Amino acid sequence: FSIITAVGEAVANAVEHAYRGEEGYFYVRPTI
C-alpha cells in the first residue's frame, strides 16, 4: 500500500505537470 500510494503521487505529478497538455510519456521502473 505504501509503495503504490507513493508512486501514485509521482505518477499524478508527471501526468498533470510534465507536458502542459501535449502528448508525452513517462516510465515506471520497479526493481528489488
Full PDB file with SEQRES, HELIX, SHEET, SSBOND, CRYST1, ORIGX, SCALE, CONECT and MASTER records, all heavy atoms in Angstrom:
SEQRES   1 A   32  PHE SER ILE ILE THR ALA VAL GLY GLU ALA VAL ALA ASN          
SEQRES   2 A   32  ALA VAL GLU HIS ALA TYR ARG GLY GLU GLU GLY TYR PHE          
SEQRES   3 A   32  TYR VAL ARG PRO THR ILE                                      
HELIX    1 AA1 SER A    2  HIS A   17  1                                  16    
CRYST1    1.000    1.000    1.000  90.00  90.00  90.00 P 1           1          
ORIGX1      1.000000  0.000000  0.000000        0.00000                         
ORIGX2      0.000000  1.000000  0.000000        0.00000                         
ORIGX3      0.000000  0.000000  1.000000        0.00000                         
SCALE1      1.000000  0.000000  0.000000        0.00000                         
SCALE2      0.000000  1.000000  0.000000        0.00000                         
SCALE3      0.000000  0.000000  1.000000        0.00000                         
ATOM      1  N   PHE A   1       0.838  -1.209   0.000  1.00  0.00           N  
ATOM      2  CA  PHE A   1       0.000   0.000   0.000  1.00  0.00           C  
ATOM      3  C   PHE A   1       0.869   1.254   0.000  1.00  0.00           C  
ATOM      4  O   PHE A   1       0.603   2.220  -0.736  1.00  0.00           O  
ATOM      5  CB  PHE A   1      -0.923  -0.009   1.213  1.00  0.00           C  
ATOM      6  CG  PHE A   1      -1.688   1.273   1.397  1.00  0.00           C  
ATOM      7  CD1 PHE A   1      -2.828   1.534   0.660  1.00  0.00           C  
ATOM      8  CD2 PHE A   1      -1.241   2.241   2.294  1.00  0.00           C  
ATOM      9  CE1 PHE A   1      -3.524   2.721   0.820  1.00  0.00           C  
ATOM     10  CE2 PHE A   1      -1.928   3.434   2.465  1.00  0.00           C  
ATOM     11  CZ  PHE A   1      -3.072   3.679   1.724  1.00  0.00           C  
ATOM     12  N   SER A   2       1.913   1.260   0.800  1.00  0.00           N  
ATOM     13  CA  SER A   2       2.793   2.429   0.882  1.00  0.00           C  
ATOM     14  C   SER A   2       3.471   2.703  -0.454  1.00  0.00           C  
ATOM     15  O   SER A   2       3.547   3.854  -0.915  1.00  0.00           O  
ATOM     16  CB  SER A   2       3.851   2.210   1.973  1.00  0.00           C  
ATOM     17  OG  SER A   2       3.249   2.068   3.238  1.00  0.00           O  
ATOM     18  N   ILE A   3       3.971   1.635  -1.083  1.00  0.00           N  
ATOM     19  CA  ILE A   3       4.658   1.800  -2.372  1.00  0.00           C  
ATOM     20  C   ILE A   3       3.698   2.322  -3.431  1.00  0.00           C  
ATOM     21  O   ILE A   3       4.010   3.271  -4.166  1.00  0.00           O  
ATOM     22  CB  ILE A   3       5.274   0.460  -2.808  1.00  0.00           C  
ATOM     23  CG1 ILE A   3       6.399   0.058  -1.843  1.00  0.00           C  
ATOM     24  CG2 ILE A   3       5.792   0.544  -4.241  1.00  0.00           C  
ATOM     25  CD1 ILE A   3       6.891  -1.361  -2.040  1.00  0.00           C  
ATOM     26  N   ILE A   4       2.521   1.714  -3.507  1.00  0.00           N  
ATOM     27  CA  ILE A   4       1.542   2.113  -4.531  1.00  0.00           C  
ATOM     28  C   ILE A   4       1.107   3.559  -4.319  1.00  0.00           C  
ATOM     29  O   ILE A   4       0.973   4.332  -5.277  1.00  0.00           O  
ATOM     30  CB  ILE A   4       0.339   1.155  -4.515  1.00  0.00           C  
ATOM     31  CG1 ILE A   4       0.758  -0.227  -5.044  1.00  0.00           C  
ATOM     32  CG2 ILE A   4      -0.805   1.715  -5.344  1.00  0.00           C  
ATOM     33  CD1 ILE A   4      -0.329  -1.270  -4.946  1.00  0.00           C  
ATOM     34  N   THR A   5       0.895   3.949  -3.082  1.00  0.00           N  
ATOM     35  CA  THR A   5       0.456   5.313  -2.796  1.00  0.00           C  
ATOM     36  C   THR A   5       1.531   6.326  -3.142  1.00  0.00           C  
ATOM     37  O   THR A   5       1.270   7.361  -3.766  1.00  0.00           O  
ATOM     38  CB  THR A   5       0.059   5.446  -1.330  1.00  0.00           C  
ATOM     39  OG1 THR A   5      -0.949   4.476  -1.011  1.00  0.00           O  
ATOM     40  CG2 THR A   5      -0.483   6.839  -1.038  1.00  0.00           C  
ATOM     41  N   ALA A   6       2.774   6.048  -2.734  1.00  0.00           N  
ATOM     42  CA  ALA A   6       3.867   6.980  -3.003  1.00  0.00           C  
ATOM     43  C   ALA A   6       4.125   7.119  -4.499  1.00  0.00           C  
ATOM     44  O   ALA A   6       4.269   8.238  -5.028  1.00  0.00           O  
ATOM     45  CB  ALA A   6       5.134   6.511  -2.287  1.00  0.00           C  
ATOM     46  N   VAL A   7       4.162   5.982  -5.216  1.00  0.00           N  
ATOM     47  CA  VAL A   7       4.387   6.031  -6.659  1.00  0.00           C  
ATOM     48  C   VAL A   7       3.210   6.727  -7.350  1.00  0.00           C  
ATOM     49  O   VAL A   7       3.385   7.464  -8.327  1.00  0.00           O  
ATOM     50  CB  VAL A   7       4.592   4.614  -7.224  1.00  0.00           C  
ATOM     51  CG1 VAL A   7       4.674   4.650  -8.747  1.00  0.00           C  
ATOM     52  CG2 VAL A   7       5.858   4.001  -6.643  1.00  0.00           C  
ATOM     53  N   GLY A   8       2.011   6.516  -6.830  1.00  0.00           N  
ATOM     54  CA  GLY A   8       0.841   7.181  -7.398  1.00  0.00           C  
ATOM     55  C   GLY A   8       0.966   8.693  -7.382  1.00  0.00           C  
ATOM     56  O   GLY A   8       0.531   9.372  -8.326  1.00  0.00           O  
ATOM     57  N   GLU A   9       1.568   9.248  -6.325  1.00  0.00           N  
ATOM     58  CA  GLU A   9       1.782  10.690  -6.269  1.00  0.00           C  
ATOM     59  C   GLU A   9       2.753  11.139  -7.346  1.00  0.00           C  
ATOM     60  O   GLU A   9       2.543  12.164  -8.010  1.00  0.00           O  
ATOM     61  CB  GLU A   9       2.317  11.078  -4.881  1.00  0.00           C  
ATOM     62  CG  GLU A   9       1.309  10.937  -3.758  1.00  0.00           C  
ATOM     63  CD  GLU A   9       0.145  11.903  -3.905  1.00  0.00           C  
ATOM     64  OE1 GLU A   9       0.350  13.007  -4.444  1.00  0.00           O  
ATOM     65  OE2 GLU A   9      -0.980  11.540  -3.484  1.00  0.00           O  
ATOM     66  N   ALA A  10       3.826  10.368  -7.528  1.00  0.00           N  
ATOM     67  CA  ALA A  10       4.801  10.729  -8.555  1.00  0.00           C  
ATOM     68  C   ALA A  10       4.190  10.642  -9.952  1.00  0.00           C  
ATOM     69  O   ALA A  10       4.437  11.495 -10.812  1.00  0.00           O  
ATOM     70  CB  ALA A  10       6.023   9.817  -8.449  1.00  0.00           C  
ATOM     71  N   VAL A  11       3.387   9.614 -10.176  1.00  0.00           N  
ATOM     72  CA  VAL A  11       2.729   9.453 -11.478  1.00  0.00           C  
ATOM     73  C   VAL A  11       1.742  10.592 -11.716  1.00  0.00           C  
ATOM     74  O   VAL A  11       1.678  11.167 -12.820  1.00  0.00           O  
ATOM     75  CB  VAL A  11       2.028   8.081 -11.552  1.00  0.00           C  
ATOM     76  CG1 VAL A  11       1.091   8.022 -12.756  1.00  0.00           C  
ATOM     77  CG2 VAL A  11       3.049   6.954 -11.629  1.00  0.00           C  
ATOM     78  N   ALA A  12       0.960  10.940 -10.702  1.00  0.00           N  
ATOM     79  CA  ALA A  12      -0.019  12.025 -10.851  1.00  0.00           C  
ATOM     80  C   ALA A  12       0.671  13.328 -11.219  1.00  0.00           C  
ATOM     81  O   ALA A  12       0.175  14.104 -12.055  1.00  0.00           O  
ATOM     82  CB  ALA A  12      -0.811  12.182  -9.558  1.00  0.00           C  
ATOM     83  N   ASN A  13       1.831  13.590 -10.614  1.00  0.00           N  
ATOM     84  CA  ASN A  13       2.575  14.805 -10.945  1.00  0.00           C  
ATOM     85  C   ASN A  13       3.055  14.772 -12.393  1.00  0.00           C  
ATOM     86  O   ASN A  13       3.000  15.778 -13.107  1.00  0.00           O  
ATOM     87  CB  ASN A  13       3.781  14.957 -10.007  1.00  0.00           C  
ATOM     88  CG  ASN A  13       3.358  15.437  -8.627  1.00  0.00           C  
ATOM     89  OD1 ASN A  13       2.342  16.103  -8.486  1.00  0.00           O  
ATOM     90  ND2 ASN A  13       4.144  15.086  -7.627  1.00  0.00           N  
ATOM     91  N   ALA A  14       3.545  13.623 -12.861  1.00  0.00           N  
ATOM     92  CA  ALA A  14       4.014  13.520 -14.244  1.00  0.00           C  
ATOM     93  C   ALA A  14       2.875  13.735 -15.223  1.00  0.00           C  
ATOM     94  O   ALA A  14       3.031  14.417 -16.251  1.00  0.00           O  
ATOM     95  CB  ALA A  14       4.665  12.161 -14.467  1.00  0.00           C  
ATOM     96  N   VAL A  15       1.720  13.168 -14.931  1.00  0.00           N  
ATOM     97  CA  VAL A  15       0.564  13.310 -15.813  1.00  0.00           C  
ATOM     98  C   VAL A  15       0.084  14.758 -15.850  1.00  0.00           C  
ATOM     99  O   VAL A  15      -0.244  15.304 -16.911  1.00  0.00           O  
ATOM    100  CB  VAL A  15      -0.570  12.364 -15.363  1.00  0.00           C  
ATOM    101  CG1 VAL A  15      -1.865  12.686 -16.094  1.00  0.00           C  
ATOM    102  CG2 VAL A  15      -0.181  10.919 -15.588  1.00  0.00           C  
ATOM    103  N   GLU A  16       0.045  15.395 -14.689  1.00  0.00           N  
ATOM    104  CA  GLU A  16      -0.559  16.722 -14.600  1.00  0.00           C  
ATOM    105  C   GLU A  16       0.375  17.836 -15.063  1.00  0.00           C  
ATOM    106  O   GLU A  16      -0.068  18.807 -15.688  1.00  0.00           O  
ATOM    107  CB  GLU A  16      -0.984  16.992 -13.157  1.00  0.00           C  
ATOM    108  CG  GLU A  16      -1.720  18.308 -12.972  1.00  0.00           C  
ATOM    109  CD  GLU A  16      -2.193  18.512 -11.556  1.00  0.00           C  
ATOM    110  OE1 GLU A  16      -1.971  17.608 -10.713  1.00  0.00           O  
ATOM    111  OE2 GLU A  16      -2.771  19.579 -11.281  1.00  0.00           O  
ATOM    112  N   HIS A  17       1.681  17.714 -14.776  1.00  0.00           N  
ATOM    113  CA  HIS A  17       2.567  18.861 -14.952  1.00  0.00           C  
ATOM    114  C   HIS A  17       3.582  18.729 -16.077  1.00  0.00           C  
ATOM    115  O   HIS A  17       4.096  19.742 -16.556  1.00  0.00           O  
ATOM    116  CB  HIS A  17       3.336  19.128 -13.653  1.00  0.00           C  
ATOM    117  CG  HIS A  17       2.455  19.393 -12.476  1.00  0.00           C  
ATOM    118  ND1 HIS A  17       1.590  20.456 -12.424  1.00  0.00           N  
ATOM    119  CD2 HIS A  17       2.309  18.712 -11.305  1.00  0.00           C  
ATOM    120  CE1 HIS A  17       0.943  20.438 -11.271  1.00  0.00           C  
ATOM    121  NE2 HIS A  17       1.356  19.390 -10.580  1.00  0.00           N  
ATOM    122  N   ALA A  18       3.914  17.507 -16.504  1.00  0.00           N  
ATOM    123  CA  ALA A  18       5.101  17.364 -17.340  1.00  0.00           C  
ATOM    124  C   ALA A  18       4.944  17.929 -18.743  1.00  0.00           C  
ATOM    125  O   ALA A  18       5.896  18.493 -19.292  1.00  0.00           O  
ATOM    126  CB  ALA A  18       5.508  15.894 -17.401  1.00  0.00           C  
ATOM    127  N   TYR A  19       3.771  17.773 -19.363  1.00  0.00           N  
ATOM    128  CA  TYR A  19       3.696  18.028 -20.793  1.00  0.00           C  
ATOM    129  C   TYR A  19       2.758  19.166 -21.183  1.00  0.00           C  
ATOM    130  O   TYR A  19       2.542  19.401 -22.363  1.00  0.00           O  
ATOM    131  CB  TYR A  19       3.293  16.744 -21.523  1.00  0.00           C  
ATOM    132  CG  TYR A  19       4.360  15.677 -21.392  1.00  0.00           C  
ATOM    133  CD1 TYR A  19       4.234  14.650 -20.463  1.00  0.00           C  
ATOM    134  CD2 TYR A  19       5.500  15.725 -22.171  1.00  0.00           C  
ATOM    135  CE1 TYR A  19       5.216  13.681 -20.329  1.00  0.00           C  
ATOM    136  CE2 TYR A  19       6.494  14.770 -22.052  1.00  0.00           C  
ATOM    137  CZ  TYR A  19       6.349  13.746 -21.124  1.00  0.00           C  
ATOM    138  OH  TYR A  19       7.329  12.805 -20.993  1.00  0.00           O  
ATOM    139  N   ARG A  20       2.170  19.817 -20.222  1.00  0.00           N  
ATOM    140  CA  ARG A  20       1.361  21.013 -20.498  1.00  0.00           C  
ATOM    141  C   ARG A  20       0.282  20.744 -21.545  1.00  0.00           C  
ATOM    142  O   ARG A  20       0.057  21.533 -22.471  1.00  0.00           O  
ATOM    143  CB  ARG A  20       2.253  22.169 -20.964  1.00  0.00           C  
ATOM    144  CG  ARG A  20       3.431  22.442 -20.041  1.00  0.00           C  
ATOM    145  CD  ARG A  20       4.221  23.641 -20.489  1.00  0.00           C  
ATOM    146  NE  ARG A  20       5.424  23.794 -19.686  1.00  0.00           N  
ATOM    147  CZ  ARG A  20       6.237  24.838 -19.771  1.00  0.00           C  
ATOM    148  NH1 ARG A  20       5.980  25.810 -20.627  1.00  0.00           N  
ATOM    149  NH2 ARG A  20       7.317  24.897 -19.022  1.00  0.00           N  
ATOM    150  N   GLY A  21      -0.373  19.608 -21.439  1.00  0.00           N  
ATOM    151  CA  GLY A  21      -1.458  19.278 -22.355  1.00  0.00           C  
ATOM    152  C   GLY A  21      -1.016  18.666 -23.660  1.00  0.00           C  
ATOM    153  O   GLY A  21      -1.862  18.272 -24.477  1.00  0.00           O  
ATOM    154  N   GLU A  22       0.286  18.576 -23.903  1.00  0.00           N  
ATOM    155  CA  GLU A  22       0.776  17.960 -25.131  1.00  0.00           C  
ATOM    156  C   GLU A  22       0.987  16.459 -24.917  1.00  0.00           C  
ATOM    157  O   GLU A  22       0.974  15.966 -23.801  1.00  0.00           O  
ATOM    158  CB  GLU A  22       2.101  18.612 -25.543  1.00  0.00           C  
ATOM    159  CG  GLU A  22       1.972  20.104 -25.840  1.00  0.00           C  
ATOM    160  CD  GLU A  22       3.323  20.727 -26.154  1.00  0.00           C  
ATOM    161  OE1 GLU A  22       4.333  20.008 -26.029  1.00  0.00           O  
ATOM    162  OE2 GLU A  22       3.349  21.913 -26.515  1.00  0.00           O  
ATOM    163  N   GLU A  23       1.193  15.751 -26.047  1.00  0.00           N  
ATOM    164  CA  GLU A  23       1.450  14.321 -25.945  1.00  0.00           C  
ATOM    165  C   GLU A  23       2.803  14.068 -25.310  1.00  0.00           C  
ATOM    166  O   GLU A  23       3.768  14.792 -25.562  1.00  0.00           O  
ATOM    167  CB  GLU A  23       1.416  13.680 -27.343  1.00  0.00           C  
ATOM    168  CG  GLU A  23       0.050  13.659 -27.992  1.00  0.00           C  
ATOM    169  CD  GLU A  23       0.086  12.995 -29.350  1.00  0.00           C  
ATOM    170  OE1 GLU A  23       0.841  12.007 -29.504  1.00  0.00           O  
ATOM    171  OE2 GLU A  23      -0.614  13.458 -30.257  1.00  0.00           O  
ATOM    172  N   GLY A  24       2.878  13.058 -24.473  1.00  0.00           N  
ATOM    173  CA  GLY A  24       4.139  12.703 -23.844  1.00  0.00           C  
ATOM    174  C   GLY A  24       4.032  11.383 -23.126  1.00  0.00           C  
ATOM    175  O   GLY A  24       2.941  10.808 -22.991  1.00  0.00           O  
ATOM    176  N   TYR A  25       5.163  10.890 -22.631  1.00  0.00           N  
ATOM    177  CA  TYR A  25       5.218   9.583 -21.989  1.00  0.00           C  
ATOM    178  C   TYR A  25       5.956   9.691 -20.663  1.00  0.00           C  
ATOM    179  O   TYR A  25       6.741  10.614 -20.439  1.00  0.00           O  
ATOM    180  CB  TYR A  25       5.945   8.572 -22.889  1.00  0.00           C  
ATOM    181  CG  TYR A  25       5.299   8.400 -24.245  1.00  0.00           C  
ATOM    182  CD1 TYR A  25       5.737   9.142 -25.341  1.00  0.00           C  
ATOM    183  CD2 TYR A  25       4.254   7.503 -24.422  1.00  0.00           C  
ATOM    184  CE1 TYR A  25       5.148   8.997 -26.584  1.00  0.00           C  
ATOM    185  CE2 TYR A  25       3.661   7.336 -25.655  1.00  0.00           C  
ATOM    186  CZ  TYR A  25       4.100   8.086 -26.736  1.00  0.00           C  
ATOM    187  OH  TYR A  25       3.510   7.938 -27.953  1.00  0.00           O  
ATOM    188  N   PHE A  26       5.705   8.735 -19.812  1.00  0.00           N  
ATOM    189  CA  PHE A  26       6.527   8.570 -18.621  1.00  0.00           C  
ATOM    190  C   PHE A  26       6.814   7.082 -18.444  1.00  0.00           C  
ATOM    191  O   PHE A  26       6.115   6.226 -18.985  1.00  0.00           O  
ATOM    192  CB  PHE A  26       5.854   9.164 -17.380  1.00  0.00           C  
ATOM    193  CG  PHE A  26       4.622   8.434 -16.933  1.00  0.00           C  
ATOM    194  CD1 PHE A  26       4.688   7.395 -15.999  1.00  0.00           C  
ATOM    195  CD2 PHE A  26       3.365   8.784 -17.417  1.00  0.00           C  
ATOM    196  CE1 PHE A  26       3.565   6.720 -15.580  1.00  0.00           C  
ATOM    197  CE2 PHE A  26       2.228   8.113 -17.004  1.00  0.00           C  
ATOM    198  CZ  PHE A  26       2.326   7.074 -16.084  1.00  0.00           C  
ATOM    199  N   TYR A  27       7.866   6.799 -17.701  1.00  0.00           N  
ATOM    200  CA  TYR A  27       8.308   5.425 -17.472  1.00  0.00           C  
ATOM    201  C   TYR A  27       8.254   5.108 -15.988  1.00  0.00           C  
ATOM    202  O   TYR A  27       8.516   5.969 -15.143  1.00  0.00           O  
ATOM    203  CB  TYR A  27       9.749   5.227 -17.971  1.00  0.00           C  
ATOM    204  CG  TYR A  27       9.903   5.356 -19.467  1.00  0.00           C  
ATOM    205  CD1 TYR A  27      10.043   6.612 -20.060  1.00  0.00           C  
ATOM    206  CD2 TYR A  27       9.917   4.232 -20.279  1.00  0.00           C  
ATOM    207  CE1 TYR A  27      10.187   6.735 -21.429  1.00  0.00           C  
ATOM    208  CE2 TYR A  27      10.071   4.342 -21.651  1.00  0.00           C  
ATOM    209  CZ  TYR A  27      10.197   5.597 -22.218  1.00  0.00           C  
ATOM    210  OH  TYR A  27      10.341   5.712 -23.589  1.00  0.00           O  
ATOM    211  N   VAL A  28       7.925   3.880 -15.698  1.00  0.00           N  
ATOM    212  CA  VAL A  28       7.978   3.367 -14.323  1.00  0.00           C  
ATOM    213  C   VAL A  28       8.877   2.137 -14.335  1.00  0.00           C  
ATOM    214  O   VAL A  28       8.667   1.211 -15.130  1.00  0.00           O  
ATOM    215  CB  VAL A  28       6.569   3.005 -13.806  1.00  0.00           C  
ATOM    216  CG1 VAL A  28       6.650   2.434 -12.392  1.00  0.00           C  
ATOM    217  CG2 VAL A  28       5.653   4.219 -13.832  1.00  0.00           C  
ATOM    218  N   ARG A  29       9.892   2.131 -13.455  1.00  0.00           N  
ATOM    219  CA  ARG A  29      10.853   1.009 -13.409  1.00  0.00           C  
ATOM    220  C   ARG A  29      10.930   0.479 -11.971  1.00  0.00           C  
ATOM    221  O   ARG A  29      11.633   1.057 -11.140  1.00  0.00           O  
ATOM    222  CB  ARG A  29      12.227   1.454 -13.895  1.00  0.00           C  
ATOM    223  CG  ARG A  29      12.243   1.996 -15.316  1.00  0.00           C  
ATOM    224  CD  ARG A  29      13.660   2.398 -15.731  1.00  0.00           C  
ATOM    225  NE  ARG A  29      13.682   2.963 -17.076  1.00  0.00           N  
ATOM    226  CZ  ARG A  29      13.541   4.253 -17.348  1.00  0.00           C  
ATOM    227  NH1 ARG A  29      13.362   5.116 -16.349  1.00  0.00           N  
ATOM    228  NH2 ARG A  29      13.591   4.695 -18.592  1.00  0.00           N  
ATOM    229  N   PRO A  30      10.215  -0.588 -11.660  1.00  0.00           N  
ATOM    230  CA  PRO A  30      10.316  -1.173 -10.314  1.00  0.00           C  
ATOM    231  C   PRO A  30      11.404  -2.248 -10.271  1.00  0.00           C  
ATOM    232  O   PRO A  30      11.506  -3.092 -11.171  1.00  0.00           O  
ATOM    233  CB  PRO A  30       8.933  -1.784 -10.120  1.00  0.00           C  
ATOM    234  CG  PRO A  30       8.487  -2.167 -11.498  1.00  0.00           C  
ATOM    235  CD  PRO A  30       9.148  -1.208 -12.453  1.00  0.00           C  
ATOM    236  N   THR A  31      12.224  -2.227  -9.241  1.00  0.00           N  
ATOM    237  CA  THR A  31      13.262  -3.249  -9.059  1.00  0.00           C  
ATOM    238  C   THR A  31      13.349  -3.610  -7.589  1.00  0.00           C  
ATOM    239  O   THR A  31      12.925  -2.843  -6.711  1.00  0.00           O  
ATOM    240  CB  THR A  31      14.644  -2.746  -9.542  1.00  0.00           C  
ATOM    241  OG1 THR A  31      14.995  -1.558  -8.796  1.00  0.00           O  
ATOM    242  CG2 THR A  31      14.634  -2.443 -11.028  1.00  0.00           C  
ATOM    243  N   ILE A  32      13.928  -4.775  -7.299  1.00  0.00           N  
ATOM    244  CA  ILE A  32      14.196  -5.184  -5.931  1.00  0.00           C  
ATOM    245  C   ILE A  32      15.526  -5.919  -5.911  1.00  0.00           C  
ATOM    246  O   ILE A  32      15.777  -6.800  -6.737  1.00  0.00           O  
ATOM    247  CB  ILE A  32      13.051  -6.062  -5.376  1.00  0.00           C  
ATOM    248  CG1 ILE A  32      13.285  -6.388  -3.912  1.00  0.00           C  
ATOM    249  CG2 ILE A  32      12.835  -7.315  -6.204  1.00  0.00           C  
ATOM    250  CD1 ILE A  32      12.056  -6.952  -3.210  1.00  0.00           C  
TER     251      ILE A  32                                                      
MASTER        0    0    0    1    0    0    0    6  250    1    0    3          
END                                                                             
